[in-house]
Protein backbone atom coordinates (compact mmCIF):
# COMPACT_ATOMS: atom_id res chain seq x y z
CA MET A 1 12.77 -57.45 -69.62
CA ALA A 2 9.58 -56.29 -71.17
CA ARG A 3 10.76 -57.00 -75.21
CA ALA A 4 12.01 -60.40 -73.30
CA GLU A 5 8.45 -61.48 -72.31
CA ASN A 6 6.72 -60.38 -76.01
CA ILE A 7 5.18 -57.17 -74.14
CA GLN A 8 4.47 -54.18 -76.08
CA ALA A 9 4.92 -51.01 -73.97
CA ASP A 10 5.45 -47.34 -75.27
CA GLU A 11 8.22 -44.87 -74.12
CA GLY A 12 6.10 -42.75 -71.93
CA ALA A 13 4.62 -46.58 -70.10
CA LEU A 14 8.48 -47.69 -69.48
CA SER A 15 8.88 -44.28 -67.94
CA ILE A 16 6.15 -44.45 -65.43
CA LEU A 17 7.02 -47.92 -64.31
CA ALA A 18 11.02 -46.44 -63.81
CA GLN A 19 9.69 -43.21 -62.11
CA ALA A 20 7.20 -45.13 -59.83
CA ALA A 21 10.29 -47.90 -58.91
CA GLU A 22 12.18 -45.00 -57.95
CA GLY A 23 15.12 -46.48 -58.70
CA SER A 24 14.79 -49.93 -57.02
CA LEU A 25 14.79 -52.83 -60.14
CA ARG A 26 13.09 -55.50 -57.58
CA ASP A 27 9.87 -52.94 -57.00
CA ALA A 28 10.37 -51.99 -60.84
CA LEU A 29 9.51 -55.64 -61.59
CA SER A 30 7.01 -56.03 -59.28
CA LEU A 31 5.05 -52.92 -60.62
CA LEU A 32 5.31 -54.26 -64.36
CA ASP A 33 3.95 -57.91 -63.68
CA GLN A 34 0.78 -55.71 -62.06
CA VAL A 35 0.76 -53.51 -65.37
CA ILE A 36 0.71 -56.77 -67.27
CA ALA A 37 -1.68 -58.65 -65.20
CA ALA A 38 -4.20 -55.68 -65.92
CA CYS A 39 -3.06 -54.71 -69.35
CA ALA A 40 -1.87 -58.01 -71.24
CA GLU A 41 0.29 -57.52 -73.96
CA ARG A 42 0.08 -54.12 -74.60
CA LEU A 43 1.10 -51.28 -71.89
CA GLU A 44 0.00 -47.61 -73.05
CA GLU A 45 0.82 -45.09 -70.88
CA ALA A 46 -2.64 -43.88 -69.88
CA ARG A 47 -3.53 -47.49 -69.12
CA VAL A 48 -0.39 -47.73 -66.90
CA ARG A 49 -1.06 -44.43 -65.34
CA GLN A 50 -4.53 -45.69 -64.11
CA VAL A 51 -3.19 -48.62 -63.16
CA LEU A 52 -0.63 -47.49 -60.82
CA GLY A 53 -2.41 -44.51 -59.88
CA VAL A 54 -0.01 -41.78 -61.10
CA VAL A 55 -1.73 -38.61 -61.96
CA PRO A 56 -1.69 -37.57 -65.67
CA ALA A 57 0.92 -35.45 -66.94
CA GLU A 58 -1.81 -33.36 -68.67
CA LEU A 59 -3.68 -32.57 -65.46
CA LEU A 60 -0.21 -31.64 -63.66
CA ALA A 61 -0.17 -29.32 -66.70
CA GLU A 62 -3.32 -27.74 -66.21
CA MET A 63 -2.88 -27.22 -62.51
CA VAL A 64 0.10 -24.67 -63.38
CA GLU A 65 -1.93 -23.29 -65.84
CA ALA A 66 -4.50 -22.50 -63.56
CA ILE A 67 -2.01 -21.37 -61.01
CA HIS A 68 -0.06 -19.10 -63.82
CA ALA A 69 -3.65 -17.66 -64.51
CA ALA A 70 -4.58 -17.13 -60.88
CA ASP A 71 -7.93 -18.85 -61.22
CA ALA A 72 -8.54 -20.47 -57.62
CA ARG A 73 -11.85 -21.83 -59.01
CA ARG A 74 -10.60 -23.87 -61.59
CA VAL A 75 -7.50 -25.13 -59.06
CA LEU A 76 -10.02 -26.19 -56.55
CA ASP A 77 -12.44 -27.83 -59.14
CA ARG A 78 -9.24 -30.01 -60.06
CA VAL A 79 -8.36 -30.91 -56.60
CA GLY A 80 -12.25 -31.82 -56.61
CA GLN A 81 -11.89 -34.25 -59.33
CA LEU A 82 -9.00 -36.06 -58.19
CA ALA A 83 -10.94 -36.73 -54.97
CA ALA A 84 -13.56 -37.68 -57.55
CA GLU A 85 -11.57 -39.90 -59.20
CA GLY A 86 -9.37 -41.55 -56.68
CA TYR A 87 -6.22 -40.31 -56.61
CA GLU A 88 -4.34 -40.37 -53.51
CA LEU A 89 -4.02 -36.41 -52.68
CA ALA A 90 -0.64 -37.31 -50.86
CA HIS A 91 0.79 -38.63 -53.82
CA PHE A 92 -0.59 -36.20 -56.53
CA CYS A 93 1.07 -33.51 -54.26
CA GLY A 94 4.31 -35.41 -54.22
CA GLU A 95 3.95 -35.89 -58.00
CA PHE A 96 3.27 -31.87 -57.93
CA THR A 97 6.19 -31.39 -56.25
CA LYS A 98 8.35 -33.17 -58.62
CA LEU A 99 6.83 -31.29 -61.30
CA VAL A 100 7.90 -27.74 -60.05
CA ARG A 101 11.34 -28.80 -59.43
CA ASN A 102 11.30 -29.92 -63.09
CA LEU A 103 10.50 -26.91 -63.88
CA MET A 104 13.13 -25.04 -62.34
CA VAL A 105 15.80 -27.32 -64.04
CA ALA A 106 14.02 -26.23 -67.00
CA ARG A 107 14.12 -22.59 -66.50
CA SER A 108 17.84 -22.40 -65.03
CA CYS A 109 19.67 -25.28 -67.21
CA GLY A 110 17.33 -25.53 -70.36
CA ALA A 111 14.84 -28.52 -71.26
CA ASP A 112 17.66 -30.57 -72.70
CA SER A 113 19.71 -30.58 -69.53
CA PRO A 114 20.47 -34.53 -68.45
CA LEU A 115 19.40 -33.76 -65.01
CA LEU A 116 15.31 -33.90 -66.28
CA GLN A 117 14.78 -37.58 -66.51
CA VAL A 118 11.48 -37.54 -68.48
CA PRO A 119 10.85 -38.67 -71.85
CA PRO A 120 11.73 -36.12 -75.01
CA ARG A 121 7.85 -35.74 -75.62
CA GLU A 122 7.89 -34.06 -72.11
CA ARG A 123 10.65 -31.69 -72.58
CA GLU A 124 8.86 -29.84 -74.69
CA ARG A 125 5.98 -29.03 -72.49
CA LEU A 126 8.21 -28.65 -69.81
CA LYS A 127 9.86 -25.64 -71.82
CA THR A 128 6.95 -24.09 -72.29
CA LEU A 129 5.81 -24.30 -68.49
CA ALA A 130 9.00 -23.22 -67.21
CA GLY A 131 8.48 -20.02 -69.38
CA LEU A 132 5.47 -19.03 -67.27
CA PHE A 133 7.39 -18.08 -64.18
CA GLY A 134 10.54 -16.79 -62.88
CA GLU A 135 12.89 -18.47 -60.49
CA GLU A 136 11.88 -17.09 -57.47
CA ASP A 137 8.30 -18.10 -57.94
CA LEU A 138 9.34 -21.62 -58.61
CA ALA A 139 11.38 -21.54 -55.15
CA ARG A 140 8.80 -20.32 -52.98
CA PHE A 141 6.04 -22.71 -55.17
CA PHE A 142 8.85 -25.26 -54.06
CA GLN A 143 9.09 -24.47 -49.94
CA ILE A 144 5.27 -24.37 -49.73
CA LEU A 145 4.71 -27.49 -51.62
CA LEU A 146 7.24 -29.21 -49.21
CA ARG A 147 5.38 -27.82 -46.17
CA ALA A 148 2.02 -28.94 -47.33
CA GLU A 149 3.38 -32.71 -48.22
CA SER A 150 5.00 -32.54 -44.84
CA GLU A 151 1.87 -31.43 -42.84
CA MET A 152 -0.42 -34.02 -45.15
CA ARG A 153 1.19 -36.95 -43.78
CA TYR A 154 -0.36 -36.98 -40.43
CA ALA A 155 -3.24 -34.54 -41.26
CA LEU A 156 -6.42 -35.64 -40.84
CA GLN A 157 -8.11 -33.63 -43.38
CA PRO A 158 -5.42 -33.99 -46.45
CA ARG A 159 -7.65 -32.26 -48.82
CA PHE A 160 -7.66 -29.10 -46.71
CA HIS A 161 -4.12 -29.19 -46.51
CA LEU A 162 -3.95 -29.10 -50.20
CA GLU A 163 -6.16 -26.54 -51.18
CA MET A 164 -4.64 -24.37 -49.03
CA ALA A 165 -1.41 -25.04 -50.29
CA LEU A 166 -2.31 -24.76 -53.52
CA MET A 167 -4.12 -21.28 -52.87
CA LYS A 168 -0.68 -20.25 -51.46
CA LEU A 169 0.60 -20.65 -54.87
CA VAL A 170 -2.31 -18.91 -56.59
CA TYR A 171 -1.84 -15.49 -54.72
CA ALA A 172 1.93 -16.20 -54.26
CA ARG A 173 3.03 -13.75 -57.22
CA ARG A 174 1.41 -11.06 -55.67
CA LEU A 175 3.81 -10.84 -52.88
CA ALA A 176 6.53 -8.42 -53.70
CA PRO A 177 10.20 -9.80 -52.09
CA LEU A 178 11.15 -8.31 -48.77
CA GLU A 179 14.42 -7.16 -50.50
CA SER A 180 12.49 -4.76 -53.04
CA LEU A 181 10.50 -3.26 -50.46
CA LEU A 182 13.29 -2.49 -48.01
CA SER A 183 15.23 -0.87 -51.18
CA GLU A 184 12.17 0.89 -52.09
CA LEU A 185 11.38 2.47 -48.70
CA SER A 186 15.55 3.72 -48.97
CA ARG A 187 14.74 5.27 -51.83
CA SER A 188 11.47 7.01 -51.24
CA SER A 189 12.73 8.13 -48.15
CA VAL A 190 15.62 10.36 -49.50
CA GLU A 191 13.59 11.60 -52.56
CA LYS A 192 12.55 14.59 -52.40
CA PRO A 193 8.94 15.37 -53.68
CA ALA A 194 7.99 18.32 -56.43
CA GLY A 195 6.53 20.72 -53.65
CA GLY A 196 8.40 20.50 -50.53
CA ALA A 197 10.94 19.05 -48.62
CA PRO A 198 12.07 15.11 -48.71
CA ARG A 199 9.98 12.85 -46.71
CA THR A 200 11.57 10.13 -44.82
CA SER A 201 8.60 8.18 -43.47
CA THR A 202 5.03 8.44 -43.85
CA ALA A 203 4.69 10.74 -40.37
CA GLN A 204 5.96 13.97 -40.23
CA PRO A 205 9.59 14.22 -40.38
CA PRO A 206 12.03 15.37 -37.29
CA GLN A 207 12.95 19.11 -37.64
CA PRO A 208 16.95 19.45 -35.93
CA LEU A 209 17.78 20.92 -33.16
CA PRO A 210 18.96 24.34 -33.03
CA ALA A 211 22.33 25.55 -31.85
CA LYS A 212 21.21 27.29 -28.91
CA THR A 213 18.10 25.55 -28.13
CA ARG A 214 18.43 25.98 -24.48
CA GLU A 215 18.52 29.94 -24.75
CA ALA A 216 15.76 30.65 -27.20
CA ALA A 217 12.88 28.12 -26.08
CA PRO A 218 11.69 25.41 -23.96
CA PRO A 219 13.17 22.10 -25.19
CA VAL A 220 10.31 20.62 -26.55
CA GLU A 221 9.38 23.76 -28.94
CA ALA A 222 12.42 24.04 -30.10
CA LEU A 223 12.97 20.32 -31.43
CA ARG A 224 9.67 21.30 -33.33
CA ALA A 225 11.68 24.60 -34.64
CA VAL A 226 14.07 25.36 -37.12
CA ALA A 227 17.23 27.12 -37.11
CA PRO A 228 17.44 30.65 -37.44
CA ALA A 229 20.13 32.05 -39.92
CA PRO A 230 22.33 34.37 -38.33
CA ASN A 231 21.57 38.00 -37.34
CA SER A 232 18.17 37.39 -38.61
CA ALA A 233 14.70 36.81 -36.77
CA PRO A 234 12.97 34.17 -35.60
CA VAL A 235 11.88 31.87 -37.99
CA ALA A 236 8.00 30.89 -37.82
CA PRO A 237 6.78 27.15 -37.25
CA ALA A 238 7.21 24.79 -39.78
CA THR A 239 3.14 24.34 -40.03
CA SER A 240 3.13 28.11 -41.34
CA SER A 241 5.71 27.54 -44.08
CA PRO A 242 4.81 25.97 -47.16
CA ALA A 243 8.69 24.79 -47.49
CA ALA A 244 11.38 24.40 -45.15
CA PRO A 245 14.50 26.20 -45.45
CA PRO A 246 17.77 24.45 -47.11
CA PRO A 247 19.47 23.68 -43.57
CA ALA A 248 16.53 21.21 -42.35
CA ILE A 249 16.75 20.04 -46.00
CA ALA A 250 20.06 18.82 -45.63
CA VAL A 251 20.15 17.72 -41.88
CA ASP A 252 16.80 15.48 -42.76
CA ALA A 253 18.88 14.21 -45.82
CA ARG A 254 21.41 13.19 -43.65
CA LEU A 255 19.53 11.41 -41.18
CA ALA A 256 17.08 9.71 -43.97
CA SER A 257 21.25 8.37 -45.22
CA ILE A 258 21.79 7.41 -41.82
CA LYS A 259 18.39 5.36 -41.81
CA ALA A 260 19.18 3.89 -45.46
CA ARG A 261 22.46 2.68 -44.28
CA LEU A 262 21.19 0.95 -41.77
CA PHE A 263 18.81 -1.03 -43.77
CA ASP A 264 21.50 -2.02 -46.49
CA GLN A 265 23.07 -3.17 -43.42
CA SER A 266 20.31 -5.51 -42.53
CA LYS A 267 20.21 -2.69 -38.81
CA LYS A 268 15.86 -3.03 -39.79
CA PHE A 269 15.49 -2.82 -36.09
CA LEU A 270 17.94 0.00 -35.19
CA SER A 271 16.58 2.20 -38.12
CA SER A 272 13.46 1.72 -37.06
CA CYS A 273 14.35 2.83 -33.66
CA LEU A 274 14.96 6.15 -35.36
CA GLU A 275 11.85 6.54 -36.93
CA HIS A 276 10.63 7.50 -33.44
CA VAL A 277 12.70 10.70 -32.92
CA SER A 278 11.82 14.05 -32.03
CA GLY A 279 14.99 16.03 -33.18
CA TRP A 280 18.54 15.65 -33.80
CA ARG A 281 22.01 17.43 -34.03
CA PHE A 282 25.36 17.31 -35.37
CA GLU A 283 27.95 19.53 -34.15
CA ASP A 284 31.56 19.17 -32.59
CA GLY A 285 31.72 15.70 -33.49
CA GLU A 286 28.65 14.55 -31.59
CA VAL A 287 25.39 13.77 -33.02
CA LYS A 288 22.59 13.74 -30.59
CA PHE A 289 19.36 12.10 -31.29
CA LEU A 290 16.34 13.24 -28.84
CA TYR A 291 12.89 11.29 -28.04
CA ALA A 292 9.97 12.21 -26.30
CA PRO A 293 9.54 10.48 -22.85
CA LYS A 294 6.63 8.46 -24.45
CA ASP A 295 9.32 6.87 -26.20
CA ALA A 296 11.83 6.39 -23.89
CA LEU A 297 11.73 2.84 -24.44
CA TYR A 298 13.72 3.19 -27.85
CA ALA A 299 16.10 6.08 -26.48
CA GLU A 300 16.68 2.86 -23.95
CA LEU A 301 17.68 0.46 -26.69
CA LEU A 302 19.66 2.43 -28.59
CA ARG A 303 21.76 2.57 -25.74
CA SER A 304 23.34 -0.42 -25.85
CA ARG A 305 26.71 -0.96 -26.22
CA GLU A 306 25.73 -2.93 -29.65
CA GLN A 307 23.30 -1.00 -31.01
CA GLN A 308 25.53 2.39 -30.12
CA GLU A 309 28.32 0.70 -32.14
CA ALA A 310 26.43 0.15 -35.03
CA LEU A 311 25.47 3.61 -35.17
CA ARG A 312 28.29 4.89 -34.55
CA ALA A 313 29.53 2.88 -37.70
CA ALA A 314 26.95 4.21 -39.99
CA CYS A 315 26.79 7.66 -38.85
CA ALA A 316 30.62 7.80 -39.52
CA GLN A 317 30.12 7.00 -42.92
CA VAL A 318 27.22 9.06 -43.65
CA LEU A 319 29.03 12.08 -42.02
CA GLY A 320 32.33 11.11 -43.17
CA GLN A 321 34.15 11.63 -40.00
CA PRO A 322 34.24 9.71 -36.42
CA VAL A 323 31.27 10.70 -34.34
CA ARG A 324 30.02 10.27 -30.79
CA ILE A 325 26.75 9.02 -29.90
CA CYS A 326 24.52 10.47 -27.40
CA VAL A 327 20.87 9.50 -26.77
CA THR A 328 18.49 11.26 -24.39
CA LEU A 329 14.89 12.59 -23.82
CA GLU A 330 13.28 15.93 -23.88
CA GLU A 331 13.27 17.91 -20.91
CA GLN A 332 9.89 18.22 -19.28
CA GLY A 333 10.23 22.28 -18.81
CA ALA A 334 12.25 25.04 -19.55
CA GLU A 335 15.74 25.58 -17.95
CA THR A 336 14.26 28.24 -16.15
CA HIS A 337 12.01 26.25 -14.12
CA THR A 338 14.64 23.36 -14.12
CA ALA A 339 17.13 25.90 -11.91
CA SER A 340 14.29 26.41 -9.40
CA LEU A 341 14.35 22.65 -8.74
CA SER A 342 15.98 21.17 -5.98
CA ALA A 343 19.04 19.00 -6.32
CA ARG A 344 17.15 15.68 -5.75
CA GLU A 345 13.74 16.61 -8.01
CA ARG A 346 16.70 17.31 -10.66
CA ALA A 347 18.34 14.43 -9.96
CA GLU A 348 14.89 12.25 -10.11
CA ARG A 349 13.86 14.06 -13.48
CA ASP A 350 17.65 13.26 -15.01
CA ALA A 351 17.20 10.69 -17.57
CA GLY A 352 20.73 9.33 -17.00
CA VAL A 353 19.60 8.42 -13.53
CA GLU A 354 16.42 7.02 -14.34
CA ALA A 355 17.95 5.17 -16.88
CA PHE A 356 20.25 3.89 -14.15
CA ARG A 357 17.57 2.94 -12.00
CA LYS A 358 15.66 1.00 -14.08
CA THR A 359 18.55 -1.00 -15.30
CA PHE A 360 19.92 -2.18 -12.17
CA GLY A 361 17.09 -1.76 -9.90
CA CYS A 362 18.25 0.64 -7.61
CA THR A 363 16.69 3.62 -5.85
CA LEU A 364 17.53 7.32 -5.15
CA VAL A 365 18.78 7.47 -1.84
CA GLU A 366 20.95 10.72 -1.11
CA VAL A 367 21.36 13.58 -3.81
CA GLN A 368 25.05 15.96 -3.36
CA ASP A 369 24.92 18.70 -5.67
CA LEU A 370 28.36 19.38 -6.60
CA SER A 371 27.53 22.64 -8.08
CA GLN A 372 27.11 24.06 -5.17
CA GLU A 373 31.08 23.30 -3.73
């Protein structure tokens, strides 16, 4: 059409007309008439961009470079330049989103891909800019810009939304992916430090229950003690020993493996509940988790059927055999004291009775001591 009208137009100018028409021949002819009226018989890319309000490719490329350099001031200065020169900021956001898409295509398929509808001289620039970012960065940029573009349509101050979106792009590369953080947590939970026992979290790791807790000491203290070896003297508390005994290390490592297994299975909530256990043990095919009274909420959450099934499966995979799961609270006093309580007092302090009462909203009316029959 331009040749028939004896109009000289370079490839860049025609490419801008085609992109602005967005596939509509009628719109392309209308835009061609507008630029002919403004530029006469010679259509140059820079002049056509100015007439149609299309953001210069150099400015878009400079914005990408500023984001890569994490230069927030330079990014905001370019937004001010766009506003001062009369460009529509919503249109710029759309153009920048399209550039990020082209960078993703160039990064994934190469700059010579037919999916890129750009002039040949633009392909080399896309190849260079695409090499500055990874696919994950570009995908994150695209999502941020799409949200900003949607918000700007009805915003009273679209410039603010654009500036905040571009600031997110500047700092987005500093964010570590959630998957890598979870993997690092799982890996560090089973690693053994050079001078001591393995760590499962930043808090003090829970110690295993001795086999005969009730006969040795009150339950609360027993949870924090280390199981003694057969025919040996009682072991001092962990705080007075520089290193934990080998049996405690092995059990803690298995507990850390259970937590890591739950993380890998996307059971993050269930794994976080295990962070609050005050003690645990595995014997006779039963895995018993104990919680302090102040953490009774976590114990109740683990008693649901769905959570029990997931926890049972993870424990079976780590321990190598089918297991039963028991979740209970620490007792408030020694067994000798408990034995002196009446049947009603023991029932009122029983964790199972308390959980039943809270679940069904019932009250304790009568207690019958079956041990006396």
